[in-house]
Amino acid sequence: MSGFNQERLMKLILAPVVSEKSTLVADRHRQYVFRVSQDATKPEIKAAVELMFKTQVQSVQVANVKGKKKRFGRYEGRRRNWKKAYVCLAPGQEINFATEIK
């Protein structure tokens, strides 16, 4: 984690992606899916997950998701593009999002 600004690392991971695909990937491959900042890099994402969740990260894969085209009557628009990261944890590591915060 050395060499990275901790304040920036805390802002990189925006939210976990909860969907059928992400839960299937988590069960089969120990991968967790996060919505991350557009300018985040793989080493930064790895350091951010290790800092926030106190786990060991084995690898990170990144995908840029294109925003969908939407219409409202005669007006056309687009949703924003966003980036998601598939984070593979080391064997024996786990992230539990359902833990209670006291």
PDB file of N, CA and C in Angstrom:
ATOM      1  N   MET A   1       0.811  -1.190   0.000  1.00  0.00           N
ATOM      2  CA  MET A   1       0.000   0.000   0.000  1.00  0.00           C
ATOM      3  C   MET A   1       0.856   1.255   0.000  1.00  0.00           C
ATOM      4  N   SER A   2       2.143   1.098   0.171  1.00  0.00           N
ATOM      5  CA  SER A   2       2.995   2.272   0.176  1.00  0.00           C
ATOM      6  C   SER A   2       3.043   2.870  -1.225  1.00  0.00           C
ATOM      7  N   GLY A   3       3.185   4.189  -1.271  1.00  0.00           N
ATOM      8  CA  GLY A   3       3.235   4.858  -2.556  1.00  0.00           C
ATOM      9  C   GLY A   3       1.889   5.382  -3.019  1.00  0.00           C
ATOM     10  N   PHE A   4       0.804   5.030  -2.325  1.00  0.00           N
ATOM     11  CA  PHE A   4      -0.514   5.501  -2.712  1.00  0.00           C
ATOM     12  C   PHE A   4      -1.054   6.436  -1.636  1.00  0.00           C
ATOM     13  N   ASN A   5      -1.776   7.438  -2.067  1.00  0.00           N
ATOM     14  CA  ASN A   5      -2.413   8.374  -1.161  1.00  0.00           C
ATOM     15  C   ASN A   5      -3.638   7.700  -0.535  1.00  0.00           C
ATOM     16  N   GLN A   6      -3.660   7.557   0.784  1.00  0.00           N
ATOM     17  CA  GLN A   6      -4.755   6.845   1.448  1.00  0.00           C
ATOM     18  C   GLN A   6      -6.087   7.551   1.263  1.00  0.00           C
ATOM     19  N   GLU A   7      -6.080   8.863   1.204  1.00  0.00           N
ATOM     20  CA  GLU A   7      -7.321   9.607   0.994  1.00  0.00           C
ATOM     21  C   GLU A   7      -7.918   9.285  -0.371  1.00  0.00           C
ATOM     22  N   ARG A   8      -7.062   9.187  -1.396  1.00  0.00           N
ATOM     23  CA  ARG A   8      -7.539   8.829  -2.740  1.00  0.00           C
ATOM     24  C   ARG A   8      -8.049   7.393  -2.766  1.00  0.00           C
ATOM     25  N   LEU A   9      -7.341   6.488  -2.081  1.00  0.00           N
ATOM     26  CA  LEU A   9      -7.761   5.087  -2.069  1.00  0.00           C
ATOM     27  C   LEU A   9      -9.152   4.918  -1.468  1.00  0.00           C
ATOM     28  N   MET A  10      -9.469   5.715  -0.450  1.00  0.00           N
ATOM     29  CA  MET A  10     -10.780   5.603   0.192  1.00  0.00           C
ATOM     30  C   MET A  10     -11.913   6.089  -0.712  1.00  0.00           C
ATOM     31  N   LYS A  11     -11.577   6.905  -1.712  1.00  0.00           N
ATOM     32  CA  LYS A  11     -12.597   7.433  -2.624  1.00  0.00           C
ATOM     33  C   LYS A  11     -12.719   6.633  -3.915  1.00  0.00           C
ATOM     34  N   LEU A  12     -11.799   5.700  -4.172  1.00  0.00           N
ATOM     35  CA  LEU A  12     -11.794   4.962  -5.435  1.00  0.00           C
ATOM     36  C   LEU A  12     -12.964   3.997  -5.562  1.00  0.00           C
ATOM     37  N   ILE A  13     -13.238   3.238  -4.509  1.00  0.00           N
ATOM     38  CA  ILE A  13     -14.303   2.236  -4.556  1.00  0.00           C
ATOM     39  C   ILE A  13     -15.608   2.921  -4.210  1.00  0.00           C
ATOM     40  N   LEU A  14     -16.529   2.957  -5.175  1.00  0.00           N
ATOM     41  CA  LEU A  14     -17.776   3.683  -4.993  1.00  0.00           C
ATOM     42  C   LEU A  14     -18.849   2.816  -4.343  1.00  0.00           C
ATOM     43  N   ALA A  15     -19.003   1.566  -4.816  1.00  0.00           N
ATOM     44  CA  ALA A  15     -20.054   0.707  -4.265  1.00  0.00           C
ATOM     45  C   ALA A  15     -19.841  -0.722  -4.754  1.00  0.00           C
ATOM     46  N   PRO A  16     -20.322  -1.705  -3.990  1.00  0.00           N
ATOM     47  CA  PRO A  16     -20.322  -3.072  -4.509  1.00  0.00           C
ATOM     48  C   PRO A  16     -21.451  -3.230  -5.532  1.00  0.00           C
ATOM     49  N   VAL A  17     -21.222  -4.052  -6.534  1.00  0.00           N
ATOM     50  CA  VAL A  17     -22.259  -4.318  -7.530  1.00  0.00           C
ATOM     51  C   VAL A  17     -22.980  -5.595  -7.097  1.00  0.00           C
ATOM     52  N   VAL A  18     -24.264  -5.474  -6.815  1.00  0.00           N
ATOM     53  CA  VAL A  18     -25.056  -6.615  -6.367  1.00  0.00           C
ATOM     54  C   VAL A  18     -26.011  -6.996  -7.498  1.00  0.00           C
ATOM     55  N   SER A  19     -25.745  -8.136  -8.125  1.00  0.00           N
ATOM     56  CA  SER A  19     -26.581  -8.644  -9.207  1.00  0.00           C
ATOM     57  C   SER A  19     -26.468 -10.165  -9.221  1.00  0.00           C
ATOM     58  N   GLU A  20     -27.254 -10.799 -10.062  1.00  0.00           N
ATOM     59  CA  GLU A  20     -27.177 -12.257 -10.166  1.00  0.00           C
ATOM     60  C   GLU A  20     -25.793 -12.693 -10.633  1.00  0.00           C
ATOM     61  N   LYS A  21     -25.266 -11.982 -11.622  1.00  0.00           N
ATOM     62  CA  LYS A  21     -23.951 -12.333 -12.162  1.00  0.00           C
ATOM     63  C   LYS A  21     -22.858 -12.163 -11.112  1.00  0.00           C
ATOM     64  N   SER A  22     -22.904 -11.059 -10.353  1.00  0.00           N
ATOM     65  CA  SER A  22     -21.845 -10.823  -9.369  1.00  0.00           C
ATOM     66  C   SER A  22     -21.898 -11.829  -8.224  1.00  0.00           C
ATOM     67  N   THR A  23     -23.084 -12.262  -7.798  1.00  0.00           N
ATOM     68  CA  THR A  23     -23.162 -13.270  -6.742  1.00  0.00           C
ATOM     69  C   THR A  23     -22.711 -14.634  -7.258  1.00  0.00           C
ATOM     70  N   LEU A  24     -22.997 -14.935  -8.524  1.00  0.00           N
ATOM     71  CA  LEU A  24     -22.538 -16.188  -9.126  1.00  0.00           C
ATOM     72  C   LEU A  24     -21.012 -16.211  -9.213  1.00  0.00           C
ATOM     73  N   VAL A  25     -20.423 -15.102  -9.631  1.00  0.00           N
ATOM     74  CA  VAL A  25     -18.963 -14.998  -9.732  1.00  0.00           C
ATOM     75  C   VAL A  25     -18.326 -15.102  -8.347  1.00  0.00           C
ATOM     76  N   ALA A  26     -18.958 -14.495  -7.348  1.00  0.00           N
ATOM     77  CA  ALA A  26     -18.425 -14.543  -5.983  1.00  0.00           C
ATOM     78  C   ALA A  26     -18.430 -15.974  -5.457  1.00  0.00           C
ATOM     79  N   ASP A  27     -19.477 -16.723  -5.716  1.00  0.00           N
ATOM     80  CA  ASP A  27     -19.565 -18.101  -5.234  1.00  0.00           C
ATOM     81  C   ASP A  27     -18.564 -19.021  -5.923  1.00  0.00           C
ATOM     82  N   ARG A  28     -18.415 -18.872  -7.218  1.00  0.00           N
ATOM     83  CA  ARG A  28     -17.578 -19.801  -7.972  1.00  0.00           C
ATOM     84  C   ARG A  28     -16.085 -19.474  -7.931  1.00  0.00           C
ATOM     85  N   HIS A  29     -15.748 -18.202  -8.007  1.00  0.00           N
ATOM     86  CA  HIS A  29     -14.345 -17.825  -8.226  1.00  0.00           C
ATOM     87  C   HIS A  29     -13.745 -16.943  -7.144  1.00  0.00           C
ATOM     88  N   ARG A  30     -14.457 -16.737  -6.020  1.00  0.00           N
ATOM     89  CA  ARG A  30     -13.983 -15.858  -4.950  1.00  0.00           C
ATOM     90  C   ARG A  30     -13.707 -14.446  -5.465  1.00  0.00           C
ATOM     91  N   GLN A  31     -14.506 -13.983  -6.438  1.00  0.00           N
ATOM     92  CA  GLN A  31     -14.340 -12.640  -6.978  1.00  0.00           C
ATOM     93  C   GLN A  31     -15.486 -11.756  -6.497  1.00  0.00           C
ATOM     94  N   TYR A  32     -15.164 -10.517  -6.189  1.00  0.00           N
ATOM     95  CA  TYR A  32     -16.164  -9.545  -5.782  1.00  0.00           C
ATOM     96  C   TYR A  32     -16.151  -8.409  -6.788  1.00  0.00           C
ATOM     97  N   VAL A  33     -17.329  -7.875  -7.086  1.00  0.00           N
ATOM     98  CA  VAL A  33     -17.459  -6.849  -8.116  1.00  0.00           C
ATOM     99  C   VAL A  33     -17.745  -5.508  -7.450  1.00  0.00           C
ATOM    100  N   PHE A  34     -16.976  -4.491  -7.842  1.00  0.00           N
ATOM    101  CA  PHE A  34     -17.138  -3.155  -7.283  1.00  0.00           C
ATOM    102  C   PHE A  34     -17.281  -2.141  -8.402  1.00  0.00           C
ATOM    103  N   ARG A  35     -18.081  -1.130  -8.143  1.00  0.00           N
ATOM    104  CA  ARG A  35     -18.125   0.031  -9.022  1.00  0.00           C
ATOM    105  C   ARG A  35     -17.004   0.950  -8.564  1.00  0.00           C
ATOM    106  N   VAL A  36     -16.123   1.328  -9.475  1.00  0.00           N
ATOM    107  CA  VAL A  36     -14.955   2.122  -9.100  1.00  0.00           C
ATOM    108  C   VAL A  36     -14.905   3.414  -9.916  1.00  0.00           C
ATOM    109  N   SER A  37     -14.052   4.308  -9.485  1.00  0.00           N
ATOM    110  CA  SER A  37     -13.868   5.587 -10.155  1.00  0.00           C
ATOM    111  C   SER A  37     -13.331   5.367 -11.565  1.00  0.00           C
ATOM    112  N   GLN A  38     -13.690   6.280 -12.480  1.00  0.00           N
ATOM    113  CA  GLN A  38     -13.289   6.138 -13.884  1.00  0.00           C
ATOM    114  C   GLN A  38     -11.782   6.139 -14.082  1.00  0.00           C
ATOM    115  N   ASP A  39     -11.044   6.865 -13.242  1.00  0.00           N
ATOM    116  CA  ASP A  39      -9.599   6.987 -13.436  1.00  0.00           C
ATOM    117  C   ASP A  39      -8.796   6.044 -12.546  1.00  0.00           C
ATOM    118  N   ALA A  40      -9.463   5.051 -11.953  1.00  0.00           N
ATOM    119  CA  ALA A  40      -8.778   4.104 -11.073  1.00  0.00           C
ATOM    120  C   ALA A  40      -7.950   3.116 -11.890  1.00  0.00           C
ATOM    121  N   THR A  41      -6.774   2.762 -11.366  1.00  0.00           N
ATOM    122  CA  THR A  41      -5.926   1.770 -12.016  1.00  0.00           C
ATOM    123  C   THR A  41      -5.964   0.470 -11.217  1.00  0.00           C
ATOM    124  N   LYS A  42      -5.498  -0.618 -11.818  1.00  0.00           N
ATOM    125  CA  LYS A  42      -5.518  -1.921 -11.143  1.00  0.00           C
ATOM    126  C   LYS A  42      -4.719  -1.922  -9.829  1.00  0.00           C
ATOM    127  N   PRO A  43      -3.492  -1.398  -9.807  1.00  0.00           N
ATOM    128  CA  PRO A  43      -2.760  -1.382  -8.531  1.00  0.00           C
ATOM    129  C   PRO A  43      -3.453  -0.544  -7.456  1.00  0.00           C
ATOM    130  N   GLU A  44      -4.080   0.560  -7.856  1.00  0.00           N
ATOM    131  CA  GLU A  44      -4.806   1.387  -6.892  1.00  0.00           C
ATOM    132  C   GLU A  44      -6.026   0.662  -6.343  1.00  0.00           C
ATOM    133  N   ILE A  45      -6.744  -0.046  -7.202  1.00  0.00           N
ATOM    134  CA  ILE A  45      -7.927  -0.800  -6.765  1.00  0.00           C
ATOM    135  C   ILE A  45      -7.510  -1.899  -5.795  1.00  0.00           C
ATOM    136  N   LYS A  46      -6.418  -2.592  -6.115  1.00  0.00           N
ATOM    137  CA  LYS A  46      -5.915  -3.639  -5.226  1.00  0.00           C
ATOM    138  C   LYS A  46      -5.573  -3.066  -3.859  1.00  0.00           C
ATOM    139  N   ALA A  47      -4.855  -1.954  -3.837  1.00  0.00           N
ATOM    140  CA  ALA A  47      -4.467  -1.329  -2.572  1.00  0.00           C
ATOM    141  C   ALA A  47      -5.687  -0.829  -1.803  1.00  0.00           C
ATOM    142  N   ALA A  48      -6.687  -0.312  -2.506  1.00  0.00           N
ATOM    143  CA  ALA A  48      -7.885   0.207  -1.848  1.00  0.00           C
ATOM    144  C   ALA A  48      -8.689  -0.913  -1.193  1.00  0.00           C
ATOM    145  N   VAL A  49      -8.843  -2.046  -1.880  1.00  0.00           N
ATOM    146  CA  VAL A  49      -9.593  -3.170  -1.306  1.00  0.00           C
ATOM    147  C   VAL A  49      -8.848  -3.741  -0.103  1.00  0.00           C
ATOM    148  N   GLU A  50      -7.538  -3.870  -0.211  1.00  0.00           N
ATOM    149  CA  GLU A  50      -6.750  -4.385   0.916  1.00  0.00           C
ATOM    150  C   GLU A  50      -6.826  -3.435   2.110  1.00  0.00           C
ATOM    151  N   LEU A  51      -6.854  -2.129   1.865  1.00  0.00           N
ATOM    152  CA  LEU A  51      -6.942  -1.150   2.942  1.00  0.00           C
ATOM    153  C   LEU A  51      -8.324  -1.152   3.602  1.00  0.00           C
ATOM    154  N   MET A  52      -9.378  -1.157   2.788  1.00  0.00           N
ATOM    155  CA  MET A  52     -10.732  -1.022   3.321  1.00  0.00           C
ATOM    156  C   MET A  52     -11.255  -2.286   3.984  1.00  0.00           C
ATOM    157  N   PHE A  53     -10.952  -3.446   3.414  1.00  0.00           N
ATOM    158  CA  PHE A  53     -11.533  -4.699   3.897  1.00  0.00           C
ATOM    159  C   PHE A  53     -10.545  -5.598   4.623  1.00  0.00           C
ATOM    160  N   LYS A  54      -9.277  -5.181   4.739  1.00  0.00           N
ATOM    161  CA  LYS A  54      -8.251  -5.942   5.460  1.00  0.00           C
ATOM    162  C   LYS A  54      -8.132  -7.376   4.928  1.00  0.00           C
ATOM    163  N   THR A  55      -8.035  -7.512   3.621  1.00  0.00           N
ATOM    164  CA  THR A  55      -7.911  -8.817   2.979  1.00  0.00           C
ATOM    165  C   THR A  55      -6.712  -8.804   2.035  1.00  0.00           C
ATOM    166  N   GLN A  56      -6.341  -9.981   1.550  1.00  0.00           N
ATOM    167  CA  GLN A  56      -5.278 -10.113   0.550  1.00  0.00           C
ATOM    168  C   GLN A  56      -5.926 -10.269  -0.821  1.00  0.00           C
ATOM    169  N   VAL A  57      -5.536  -9.445  -1.774  1.00  0.00           N
ATOM    170  CA  VAL A  57      -6.072  -9.491  -3.128  1.00  0.00           C
ATOM    171  C   VAL A  57      -5.089 -10.224  -4.024  1.00  0.00           C
ATOM    172  N   GLN A  58      -5.609 -11.192  -4.771  1.00  0.00           N
ATOM    173  CA  GLN A  58      -4.763 -11.965  -5.679  1.00  0.00           C
ATOM    174  C   GLN A  58      -4.644 -11.262  -7.031  1.00  0.00           C
ATOM    175  N   SER A  59      -5.778 -10.823  -7.609  1.00  0.00           N
ATOM    176  CA  SER A  59      -5.731 -10.151  -8.901  1.00  0.00           C
ATOM    177  C   SER A  59      -6.937  -9.227  -9.059  1.00  0.00           C
ATOM    178  N   VAL A  60      -6.828  -8.325 -10.031  1.00  0.00           N
ATOM    179  CA  VAL A  60      -7.901  -7.379 -10.330  1.00  0.00           C
ATOM    180  C   VAL A  60      -8.103  -7.354 -11.838  1.00  0.00           C
ATOM    181  N   GLN A  61      -9.365  -7.447 -12.261  1.00  0.00           N
ATOM    182  CA  GLN A  61      -9.728  -7.298 -13.661  1.00  0.00           C
ATOM    183  C   GLN A  61     -10.698  -6.140 -13.755  1.00  0.00           C
ATOM    184  N   VAL A  62     -10.564  -5.335 -14.812  1.00  0.00           N
ATOM    185  CA  VAL A  62     -11.344  -4.116 -14.928  1.00  0.00           C
ATOM    186  C   VAL A  62     -12.138  -4.135 -16.225  1.00  0.00           C
ATOM    187  N   ALA A  63     -13.386  -3.620 -16.171  1.00  0.00           N
ATOM    188  CA  ALA A  63     -14.227  -3.504 -17.361  1.00  0.00           C
ATOM    189  C   ALA A  63     -14.859  -2.123 -17.393  1.00  0.00           C
ATOM    190  N   ASN A  64     -14.820  -1.489 -18.557  1.00  0.00           N
ATOM    191  CA  ASN A  64     -15.504  -0.219 -18.749  1.00  0.00           C
ATOM    192  C   ASN A  64     -16.893  -0.512 -19.295  1.00  0.00           C
ATOM    193  N   VAL A  65     -17.933  -0.049 -18.601  1.00  0.00           N
ATOM    194  CA  VAL A  65     -19.310  -0.309 -18.990  1.00  0.00           C
ATOM    195  C   VAL A  65     -19.844   0.939 -19.688  1.00  0.00           C
ATOM    196  N   LYS A  66     -20.345   0.764 -20.910  1.00  0.00           N
ATOM    197  CA  LYS A  66     -20.891   1.885 -21.668  1.00  0.00           C
ATOM    198  C   LYS A  66     -22.287   2.219 -21.162  1.00  0.00           C
ATOM    199  N   GLY A  67     -22.592   3.495 -21.072  1.00  0.00           N
ATOM    200  CA  GLY A  67     -23.907   3.942 -20.632  1.00  0.00           C
ATOM    201  C   GLY A  67     -24.963   3.639 -21.685  1.00  0.00           C
ATOM    202  N   LYS A  68     -26.162   3.296 -21.224  1.00  0.00           N
ATOM    203  CA  LYS A  68     -27.251   2.952 -22.145  1.00  0.00           C
ATOM    204  C   LYS A  68     -27.872   4.221 -22.738  1.00  0.00           C
ATOM    205  N   LYS A  69     -28.383   4.090 -23.965  1.00  0.00           N
ATOM    206  CA  LYS A  69     -29.128   5.183 -24.579  1.00  0.00           C
ATOM    207  C   LYS A  69     -30.563   5.119 -24.064  1.00  0.00           C
ATOM    208  N   LYS A  70     -31.085   6.256 -23.670  1.00  0.00           N
ATOM    209  CA  LYS A  70     -32.439   6.321 -23.134  1.00  0.00           C
ATOM    210  C   LYS A  70     -33.210   7.417 -23.847  1.00  0.00           C
ATOM    211  N   ARG A  71     -34.545   7.235 -23.916  1.00  0.00           N
ATOM    212  CA  ARG A  71     -35.420   8.233 -24.519  1.00  0.00           C
ATOM    213  C   ARG A  71     -36.459   8.658 -23.502  1.00  0.00           C
ATOM    214  N   PHE A  72     -36.812   9.915 -23.561  1.00  0.00           N
ATOM    215  CA  PHE A  72     -37.940  10.416 -22.787  1.00  0.00           C
ATOM    216  C   PHE A  72     -38.755  11.257 -23.754  1.00  0.00           C
ATOM    217  N   GLY A  73     -39.796  10.641 -24.315  1.00  0.00           N
ATOM    218  CA  GLY A  73     -40.569  11.323 -25.358  1.00  0.00           C
ATOM    219  C   GLY A  73     -39.717  11.511 -26.582  1.00  0.00           C
ATOM    220  N   ARG A  74     -39.591  12.747 -27.014  1.00  0.00           N
ATOM    221  CA  ARG A  74     -38.776  13.003 -28.212  1.00  0.00           C
ATOM    222  C   ARG A  74     -37.328  13.315 -27.886  1.00  0.00           C
ATOM    223  N   TYR A  75     -36.986  13.349 -26.612  1.00  0.00           N
ATOM    224  CA  TYR A  75     -35.621  13.673 -26.198  1.00  0.00           C
ATOM    225  C   TYR A  75     -34.812  12.404 -26.006  1.00  0.00           C
ATOM    226  N   GLU A  76     -33.601  12.421 -26.545  1.00  0.00           N
ATOM    227  CA  GLU A  76     -32.699  11.289 -26.373  1.00  0.00           C
ATOM    228  C   GLU A  76     -31.578  11.674 -25.430  1.00  0.00           C
ATOM    229  N   GLY A  77     -31.148  10.697 -24.675  1.00  0.00           N
ATOM    230  CA  GLY A  77     -30.042  10.944 -23.772  1.00  0.00           C
ATOM    231  C   GLY A  77     -29.255   9.670 -23.554  1.00  0.00           C
ATOM    232  N   ARG A  78     -28.229   9.776 -22.730  1.00  0.00           N
ATOM    233  CA  ARG A  78     -27.401   8.622 -22.401  1.00  0.00           C
ATOM    234  C   ARG A  78     -27.136   8.619 -20.918  1.00  0.00           C
ATOM    235  N   ARG A  79     -27.034   7.414 -20.371  1.00  0.00           N
ATOM    236  CA  ARG A  79     -26.544   7.299 -19.011  1.00  0.00           C
ATOM    237  C   ARG A  79     -25.024   7.396 -19.047  1.00  0.00           C
ATOM    238  N   ARG A  80     -24.430   7.642 -17.887  1.00  0.00           N
ATOM    239  CA  ARG A  80     -22.981   7.773 -17.820  1.00  0.00           C
ATOM    240  C   ARG A  80     -22.291   6.439 -18.047  1.00  0.00           C
ATOM    241  N   ASN A  81     -21.078   6.509 -18.620  1.00  0.00           N
ATOM    242  CA  ASN A  81     -20.197   5.345 -18.653  1.00  0.00           C
ATOM    243  C   ASN A  81     -19.653   5.145 -17.243  1.00  0.00           C
ATOM    244  N   TRP A  82     -19.354   3.892 -16.882  1.00  0.00           N
ATOM    245  CA  TRP A  82     -18.791   3.636 -15.564  1.00  0.00           C
ATOM    246  C   TRP A  82     -17.843   2.458 -15.644  1.00  0.00           C
ATOM    247  N   LYS A  83     -17.057   2.297 -14.610  1.00  0.00           N
ATOM    248  CA  LYS A  83     -16.027   1.264 -14.580  1.00  0.00           C
ATOM    249  C   LYS A  83     -16.317   0.305 -13.439  1.00  0.00           C
ATOM    250  N   LYS A  84     -16.152  -0.993 -13.712  1.00  0.00           N
ATOM    251  CA  LYS A  84     -16.299  -1.972 -12.638  1.00  0.00           C
ATOM    252  C   LYS A  84     -15.049  -2.823 -12.558  1.00  0.00           C
ATOM    253  N   ALA A  85     -14.786  -3.279 -11.342  1.00  0.00           N
ATOM    254  CA  ALA A  85     -13.584  -4.062 -11.086  1.00  0.00           C
ATOM    255  C   ALA A  85     -13.981  -5.408 -10.500  1.00  0.00           C
ATOM    256  N   TYR A  86     -13.441  -6.483 -11.065  1.00  0.00           N
ATOM    257  CA  TYR A  86     -13.589  -7.821 -10.520  1.00  0.00           C
ATOM    258  C   TYR A  86     -12.341  -8.088  -9.678  1.00  0.00           C
ATOM    259  N   VAL A  87     -12.521  -8.215  -8.370  1.00  0.00           N
ATOM    260  CA  VAL A  87     -11.406  -8.384  -7.452  1.00  0.00           C
ATOM    261  C   VAL A  87     -11.391  -9.836  -6.982  1.00  0.00           C
ATOM    262  N   CYS A  88     -10.308 -10.554  -7.291  1.00  0.00           N
ATOM    263  CA  CYS A  88     -10.149 -11.948  -6.883  1.00  0.00           C
ATOM    264  C   CYS A  88      -9.318 -11.979  -5.605  1.00  0.00           C
ATOM    265  N   LEU A  89      -9.886 -12.575  -4.565  1.00  0.00           N
ATOM    266  CA  LEU A  89      -9.195 -12.637  -3.281  1.00  0.00           C
ATOM    267  C   LEU A  89      -8.319 -13.874  -3.191  1.00  0.00           C
ATOM    268  N   ALA A  90      -7.336 -13.815  -2.330  1.00  0.00           N
ATOM    269  CA  ALA A  90      -6.448 -14.949  -2.090  1.00  0.00           C
ATOM    270  C   ALA A  90      -7.241 -16.068  -1.417  1.00  0.00           C
ATOM    271  N   PRO A  91      -6.785 -17.309  -1.516  1.00  0.00           N
ATOM    272  CA  PRO A  91      -7.493 -18.428  -0.876  1.00  0.00           C
ATOM    273  C   PRO A  91      -7.644 -18.202   0.624  1.00  0.00           C
ATOM    274  N   GLY A  92      -8.848 -18.482   1.125  1.00  0.00           N
ATOM    275  CA  GLY A  92      -9.132 -18.323   2.548  1.00  0.00           C
ATOM    276  C   GLY A  92      -9.609 -16.937   2.934  1.00  0.00           C
ATOM    277  N   GLN A  93      -9.588 -15.998   1.999  1.00  0.00           N
ATOM    278  CA  GLN A  93     -10.024 -14.629   2.277  1.00  0.00           C
ATOM    279  C   GLN A  93     -11.494 -14.470   1.900  1.00  0.00           C
ATOM    280  N   GLU A  94     -12.179 -13.545   2.570  1.00  0.00           N
ATOM    281  CA  GLU A  94     -13.604 -13.339   2.313  1.00  0.00           C
ATOM    282  C   GLU A  94     -13.994 -11.913   2.693  1.00  0.00           C
ATOM    283  N   ILE A  95     -14.952 -11.361   1.955  1.00  0.00           N
ATOM    284  CA  ILE A  95     -15.531 -10.069   2.302  1.00  0.00           C
ATOM    285  C   ILE A  95     -16.996 -10.311   2.606  1.00  0.00           C
ATOM    286  N   ASN A  96     -17.445  -9.884   3.780  1.00  0.00           N
ATOM    287  CA  ASN A  96     -18.836 -10.068   4.162  1.00  0.00           C
ATOM    288  C   ASN A  96     -19.488  -8.689   4.249  1.00  0.00           C
ATOM    289  N   PHE A  97     -20.398  -8.404   3.310  1.00  0.00           N
ATOM    290  CA  PHE A  97     -21.063  -7.105   3.280  1.00  0.00           C
ATOM    291  C   PHE A  97     -22.224  -7.038   4.266  1.00  0.00           C
ATOM    292  N   ALA A  98     -22.668  -8.183   4.783  1.00  0.00           N
ATOM    293  CA  ALA A  98     -23.863  -8.226   5.614  1.00  0.00           C
ATOM    294  C   ALA A  98     -23.553  -8.083   7.112  1.00  0.00           C
ATOM    295  N   THR A  99     -22.313  -7.800   7.464  1.00  0.00           N
ATOM    296  CA  THR A  99     -21.977  -7.666   8.884  1.00  0.00           C
ATOM    297  C   THR A  99     -22.596  -6.408   9.461  1.00  0.00           C
ATOM    298  N   GLU A 100     -22.983  -6.485  10.721  1.00  0.00           N
ATOM    299  CA  GLU A 100     -23.594  -5.345  11.384  1.00  0.00           C
ATOM    300  C   GLU A 100     -22.529  -4.363  11.813  1.00  0.00           C
ATOM    301  N   ILE A 101     -22.827  -3.085  11.684  1.00  0.00           N
ATOM    302  CA  ILE A 101     -21.938  -2.048  12.166  1.00  0.00           C
ATOM    303  C   ILE A 101     -22.518  -1.513  13.471  1.00  0.00           C
ATOM    304  N   LYS A 102     -21.736  -1.608  14.542  1.00  0.00           N
ATOM    305  CA  LYS A 102     -22.236  -1.170  15.849  1.00  0.00           C
ATOM    306  C   LYS A 102     -21.667   0.156  16.243  1.00  0.00           C
TER     307      LYS A 102
END
